[in-house]
């Protein structure tokens, strides 16, 4: 008679990292209509681009009506209707292009968000490790964009910063 003995292998627990958004986003310094701004690349955004309504008003960017029944669902599940659109000239580093955007009220920290369709249209190759995006024009010319994340300043009350 043969007896087999099996013991469950010990598996080490994976290290769990605290979820932090700082320094994890792909933020860029750029311009919209020659006005310096912060731009966010959002791989989870299903729209091509979103621009802040107040920014459009401040910069006198012409608006035109959006197609009916376009709703935007944010990451926190809130939903707003897009009533306007705008076409703007965007520059990030040496790369310049025109972008059609849905106009949204109160985009918080970023006047412009470029979404996944924009990234696909520009054949984006993203390196989160290097914080770089390589985009390509239809003629094959490539541009390397380096993310800019402002580092928090040290605070005497909180030395962890």
C-alpha atoms as a PDB file:
ATOM      1  CA  UNK A   1       0.000   0.000   0.000  1.00  0.00           C
ATOM      2  CA  UNK A   2       1.267   3.485  -0.941  1.00  0.00           C
ATOM      3  CA  UNK A   3       0.259   6.533   1.049  1.00  0.00           C
ATOM      4  CA  UNK A   4       0.596  10.043  -0.225  1.00  0.00           C
ATOM      5  CA  UNK A   5       0.975  12.955   2.073  1.00  0.00           C
ATOM      6  CA  UNK A   6       0.236  16.480   0.886  1.00  0.00           C
ATOM      7  CA  UNK A   7       0.724  19.665   2.783  1.00  0.00           C
ATOM      8  CA  UNK A   8      -0.575  22.982   1.604  1.00  0.00           C
ATOM      9  CA  UNK A   9       2.349  25.180   0.596  1.00  0.00           C
ATOM     10  CA  UNK A  10       2.848  28.319   2.637  1.00  0.00           C
ATOM     11  CA  UNK A  11       2.241  31.428   0.568  1.00  0.00           C
ATOM     12  CA  UNK A  12       3.737  34.660   1.739  1.00  0.00           C
ATOM     13  CA  UNK A  13       1.284  37.524   1.918  1.00  0.00           C
ATOM     14  CA  UNK A  14       1.710  40.076  -0.806  1.00  0.00           C
ATOM     15  CA  UNK A  15       2.724  43.482   0.391  1.00  0.00           C
ATOM     16  CA  UNK A  16      -0.243  45.819   0.275  1.00  0.00           C
ATOM     17  CA  UNK A  17       0.603  49.347  -0.706  1.00  0.00           C
ATOM     18  CA  UNK A  18      -1.501  52.205   0.493  1.00  0.00           C
ATOM     19  CA  UNK A  19      -3.363  53.698  -2.445  1.00  0.00           C
ATOM     20  CA  UNK A  20      -2.091  57.186  -3.088  1.00  0.00           C
ATOM     21  CA  UNK A  21      -2.839  59.337  -6.091  1.00  0.00           C
ATOM     22  CA  UNK A  22      -0.082  61.878  -5.614  1.00  0.00           C
ATOM     23  CA  UNK A  23       2.715  61.396  -8.103  1.00  0.00           C
ATOM     24  CA  UNK A  24       0.674  58.648  -9.804  1.00  0.00           C
ATOM     25  CA  UNK A  25      -1.099  60.708 -12.449  1.00  0.00           C
ATOM     26  CA  UNK A  26       0.164  61.687 -15.882  1.00  0.00           C
ATOM     27  CA  UNK A  27       0.143  65.477 -15.616  1.00  0.00           C
ATOM     28  CA  UNK A  28       1.731  67.770 -18.151  1.00  0.00           C
ATOM     29  CA  UNK A  29       2.531  71.438 -18.381  1.00  0.00           C
ATOM     30  CA  UNK A  30       1.214  72.791 -21.634  1.00  0.00           C
ATOM     31  CA  UNK A  31      -0.818  75.518 -23.219  1.00  0.00           C
ATOM     32  CA  UNK A  32      -4.335  75.854 -24.535  1.00  0.00           C
ATOM     33  CA  UNK A  33      -4.724  78.808 -26.886  1.00  0.00           C
ATOM     34  CA  UNK A  34      -1.261  79.944 -25.657  1.00  0.00           C
ATOM     35  CA  UNK A  35      -2.461  80.066 -22.035  1.00  0.00           C
ATOM     36  CA  UNK A  36      -0.246  77.974 -19.680  1.00  0.00           C
ATOM     37  CA  UNK A  37      -2.198  75.211 -17.917  1.00  0.00           C
ATOM     38  CA  UNK A  38      -1.933  71.783 -16.312  1.00  0.00           C
ATOM     39  CA  UNK A  39      -3.167  68.955 -18.548  1.00  0.00           C
ATOM     40  CA  UNK A  40      -4.185  65.524 -17.314  1.00  0.00           C
ATOM     41  CA  UNK A  41      -3.942  62.394 -19.462  1.00  0.00           C
ATOM     42  CA  UNK A  42      -6.661  60.029 -18.284  1.00  0.00           C
ATOM     43  CA  UNK A  43      -6.513  56.498 -19.713  1.00  0.00           C
ATOM     44  CA  UNK A  44      -9.850  55.749 -18.073  1.00  0.00           C
ATOM     45  CA  UNK A  45     -11.717  58.601 -19.752  1.00  0.00           C
ATOM     46  CA  UNK A  46     -13.835  57.357 -22.636  1.00  0.00           C
ATOM     47  CA  UNK A  47     -14.243  60.813 -24.168  1.00  0.00           C
ATOM     48  CA  UNK A  48     -11.590  62.371 -26.379  1.00  0.00           C
ATOM     49  CA  UNK A  49     -11.153  65.523 -24.278  1.00  0.00           C
ATOM     50  CA  UNK A  50     -12.854  67.617 -21.623  1.00  0.00           C
ATOM     51  CA  UNK A  51     -12.308  71.316 -20.977  1.00  0.00           C
ATOM     52  CA  UNK A  52     -13.458  73.441 -18.057  1.00  0.00           C
ATOM     53  CA  UNK A  53     -16.313  75.873 -18.762  1.00  0.00           C
ATOM     54  CA  UNK A  54     -14.864  78.683 -16.642  1.00  0.00           C
ATOM     55  CA  UNK A  55     -11.504  78.356 -18.408  1.00  0.00           C
ATOM     56  CA  UNK A  56     -13.300  78.705 -21.759  1.00  0.00           C
ATOM     57  CA  UNK A  57     -15.095  81.827 -20.515  1.00  0.00           C
ATOM     58  CA  UNK A  58     -11.902  83.345 -19.063  1.00  0.00           C
ATOM     59  CA  UNK A  59      -9.999  82.776 -22.324  1.00  0.00           C
ATOM     60  CA  UNK A  60     -12.909  83.725 -24.638  1.00  0.00           C
ATOM     61  CA  UNK A  61     -12.847  80.312 -26.294  1.00  0.00           C
ATOM     62  CA  UNK A  62     -15.818  80.008 -28.667  1.00  0.00           C
ATOM     63  CA  UNK A  63     -18.378  77.369 -27.697  1.00  0.00           C
ATOM     64  CA  UNK A  64     -20.909  75.591 -29.853  1.00  0.00           C
ATOM     65  CA  UNK A  65     -23.745  73.219 -28.928  1.00  0.00           C
ATOM     66  CA  UNK A  66     -22.903  69.602 -28.179  1.00  0.00           C
ATOM     67  CA  UNK A  67     -24.995  66.856 -29.758  1.00  0.00           C
ATOM     68  CA  UNK A  68     -28.068  66.113 -27.641  1.00  0.00           C
ATOM     69  CA  UNK A  69     -28.085  63.587 -24.803  1.00  0.00           C
ATOM     70  CA  UNK A  70     -24.342  63.426 -24.156  1.00  0.00           C
ATOM     71  CA  UNK A  71     -23.741  62.647 -20.510  1.00  0.00           C
ATOM     72  CA  UNK A  72     -20.414  62.423 -18.740  1.00  0.00           C
ATOM     73  CA  UNK A  73     -19.997  60.035 -15.818  1.00  0.00           C
ATOM     74  CA  UNK A  74     -17.122  60.896 -13.501  1.00  0.00           C
ATOM     75  CA  UNK A  75     -15.028  58.449 -11.498  1.00  0.00           C
ATOM     76  CA  UNK A  76     -17.153  59.155  -8.405  1.00  0.00           C
ATOM     77  CA  UNK A  77     -20.271  58.074 -10.398  1.00  0.00           C
ATOM     78  CA  UNK A  78     -21.687  61.603 -10.590  1.00  0.00           C
ATOM     79  CA  UNK A  79     -23.236  62.420 -13.950  1.00  0.00           C
ATOM     80  CA  UNK A  80     -23.462  65.722 -15.862  1.00  0.00           C
ATOM     81  CA  UNK A  81     -24.824  66.606 -19.265  1.00  0.00           C
ATOM     82  CA  UNK A  82     -22.447  68.148 -21.790  1.00  0.00           C
ATOM     83  CA  UNK A  83     -24.240  71.040 -23.445  1.00  0.00           C
ATOM     84  CA  UNK A  84     -21.301  72.658 -25.244  1.00  0.00           C
ATOM     85  CA  UNK A  85     -18.163  71.815 -27.173  1.00  0.00           C
ATOM     86  CA  UNK A  86     -15.012  73.732 -28.093  1.00  0.00           C
ATOM     87  CA  UNK A  87     -12.082  73.267 -30.453  1.00  0.00           C
ATOM     88  CA  UNK A  88      -8.782  74.382 -28.949  1.00  0.00           C
ATOM     89  CA  UNK A  89      -5.119  74.378 -29.886  1.00  0.00           C
ATOM     90  CA  UNK A  90      -3.094  72.353 -27.380  1.00  0.00           C
ATOM     91  CA  UNK A  91       0.667  72.387 -27.018  1.00  0.00           C
ATOM     92  CA  UNK A  92       2.634  69.987 -24.817  1.00  0.00           C
ATOM     93  CA  UNK A  93       6.367  70.416 -25.256  1.00  0.00           C
ATOM     94  CA  UNK A  94       7.055  70.511 -29.010  1.00  0.00           C
ATOM     95  CA  UNK A  95       3.787  68.756 -29.874  1.00  0.00           C
ATOM     96  CA  UNK A  96       0.885  70.881 -31.058  1.00  0.00           C
ATOM     97  CA  UNK A  97      -2.578  69.820 -32.201  1.00  0.00           C
ATOM     98  CA  UNK A  98      -6.208  70.884 -32.363  1.00  0.00           C
ATOM     99  CA  UNK A  99      -8.578  69.058 -30.022  1.00  0.00           C
ATOM    100  CA  UNK A 100     -12.371  68.951 -29.975  1.00  0.00           C
ATOM    101  CA  UNK A 101     -13.517  68.956 -26.345  1.00  0.00           C
ATOM    102  CA  UNK A 102     -16.695  68.476 -24.407  1.00  0.00           C
ATOM    103  CA  UNK A 103     -17.159  71.467 -22.102  1.00  0.00           C
ATOM    104  CA  UNK A 104     -17.709  70.554 -18.461  1.00  0.00           C
ATOM    105  CA  UNK A 105     -18.458  72.688 -15.428  1.00  0.00           C
ATOM    106  CA  UNK A 106     -15.889  72.538 -12.639  1.00  0.00           C
ATOM    107  CA  UNK A 107     -13.130  70.157 -13.708  1.00  0.00           C
ATOM    108  CA  UNK A 108     -11.407  70.883 -10.397  1.00  0.00           C
ATOM    109  CA  UNK A 109      -7.610  70.717 -10.723  1.00  0.00           C
ATOM    110  CA  UNK A 110      -7.180  70.464 -14.494  1.00  0.00           C
ATOM    111  CA  UNK A 111      -8.637  72.832 -17.093  1.00  0.00           C
ATOM    112  CA  UNK A 112      -8.059  70.150 -19.761  1.00  0.00           C
ATOM    113  CA  UNK A 113      -8.304  66.371 -19.602  1.00  0.00           C
ATOM    114  CA  UNK A 114      -7.255  64.301 -22.606  1.00  0.00           C
ATOM    115  CA  UNK A 115      -8.926  60.886 -22.639  1.00  0.00           C
ATOM    116  CA  UNK A 116      -8.280  57.432 -24.014  1.00  0.00           C
ATOM    117  CA  UNK A 117      -9.627  58.144 -27.535  1.00  0.00           C
ATOM    118  CA  UNK A 118      -7.138  61.043 -27.847  1.00  0.00           C
ATOM    119  CA  UNK A 119      -4.325  58.761 -26.698  1.00  0.00           C
ATOM    120  CA  UNK A 120      -5.356  56.092 -29.223  1.00  0.00           C
ATOM    121  CA  UNK A 121      -5.708  58.627 -32.026  1.00  0.00           C
ATOM    122  CA  UNK A 122      -2.129  59.762 -31.367  1.00  0.00           C
ATOM    123  CA  UNK A 123      -0.748  56.190 -31.090  1.00  0.00           C
ATOM    124  CA  UNK A 124       0.372  56.873 -27.520  1.00  0.00           C
ATOM    125  CA  UNK A 125       2.906  54.605 -25.859  1.00  0.00           C
ATOM    126  CA  UNK A 126       2.832  55.221 -22.125  1.00  0.00           C
ATOM    127  CA  UNK A 127       5.568  54.479 -19.610  1.00  0.00           C
ATOM    128  CA  UNK A 128       4.209  54.981 -16.125  1.00  0.00           C
ATOM    129  CA  UNK A 129       7.617  54.061 -14.721  1.00  0.00           C
ATOM    130  CA  UNK A 130       9.395  56.846 -16.611  1.00  0.00           C
ATOM    131  CA  UNK A 131       6.343  59.161 -16.539  1.00  0.00           C
ATOM    132  CA  UNK A 132       6.598  59.621 -20.300  1.00  0.00           C
ATOM    133  CA  UNK A 133       4.264  59.365 -23.245  1.00  0.00           C
ATOM    134  CA  UNK A 134       5.437  58.922 -26.819  1.00  0.00           C
ATOM    135  CA  UNK A 135       2.888  60.108 -29.347  1.00  0.00           C
ATOM    136  CA  UNK A 136       3.056  59.852 -33.094  1.00  0.00           C
ATOM    137  CA  UNK A 137       1.731  61.921 -35.955  1.00  0.00           C
ATOM    138  CA  UNK A 138       0.225  60.165 -39.005  1.00  0.00           C
ATOM    139  CA  UNK A 139       3.474  60.906 -40.896  1.00  0.00           C
ATOM    140  CA  UNK A 140       5.394  58.813 -38.339  1.00  0.00           C
ATOM    141  CA  UNK A 141       7.081  61.704 -36.498  1.00  0.00           C
ATOM    142  CA  UNK A 142       7.259  60.928 -32.796  1.00  0.00           C
ATOM    143  CA  UNK A 143       7.259  63.208 -29.770  1.00  0.00           C
ATOM    144  CA  UNK A 144       8.278  62.253 -26.234  1.00  0.00           C
ATOM    145  CA  UNK A 145       6.263  64.062 -23.567  1.00  0.00           C
ATOM    146  CA  UNK A 146       7.532  64.017 -19.992  1.00  0.00           C
ATOM    147  CA  UNK A 147       5.021  64.229 -17.173  1.00  0.00           C
ATOM    148  CA  UNK A 148       5.315  67.038 -14.692  1.00  0.00           C
ATOM    149  CA  UNK A 149       4.242  66.403 -11.122  1.00  0.00           C
ATOM    150  CA  UNK A 150       4.752  69.108  -8.545  1.00  0.00           C
ATOM    151  CA  UNK A 151       6.453  67.663  -5.523  1.00  0.00           C
ATOM    152  CA  UNK A 152       5.000  68.646  -2.158  1.00  0.00           C
ATOM    153  CA  UNK A 153       7.064  71.102  -0.173  1.00  0.00           C
ATOM    154  CA  UNK A 154       8.364  70.102   3.245  1.00  0.00           C
ATOM    155  CA  UNK A 155       6.278  71.262   6.122  1.00  0.00           C
ATOM    156  CA  UNK A 156       7.783  71.770   9.579  1.00  0.00           C
ATOM    157  CA  UNK A 157       4.590  70.519  11.228  1.00  0.00           C
ATOM    158  CA  UNK A 158       4.505  67.372   9.082  1.00  0.00           C
ATOM    159  CA  UNK A 159       8.030  66.071   8.324  1.00  0.00           C
ATOM    160  CA  UNK A 160       6.656  63.236   6.183  1.00  0.00           C
ATOM    161  CA  UNK A 161       6.028  65.727   3.367  1.00  0.00           C
END
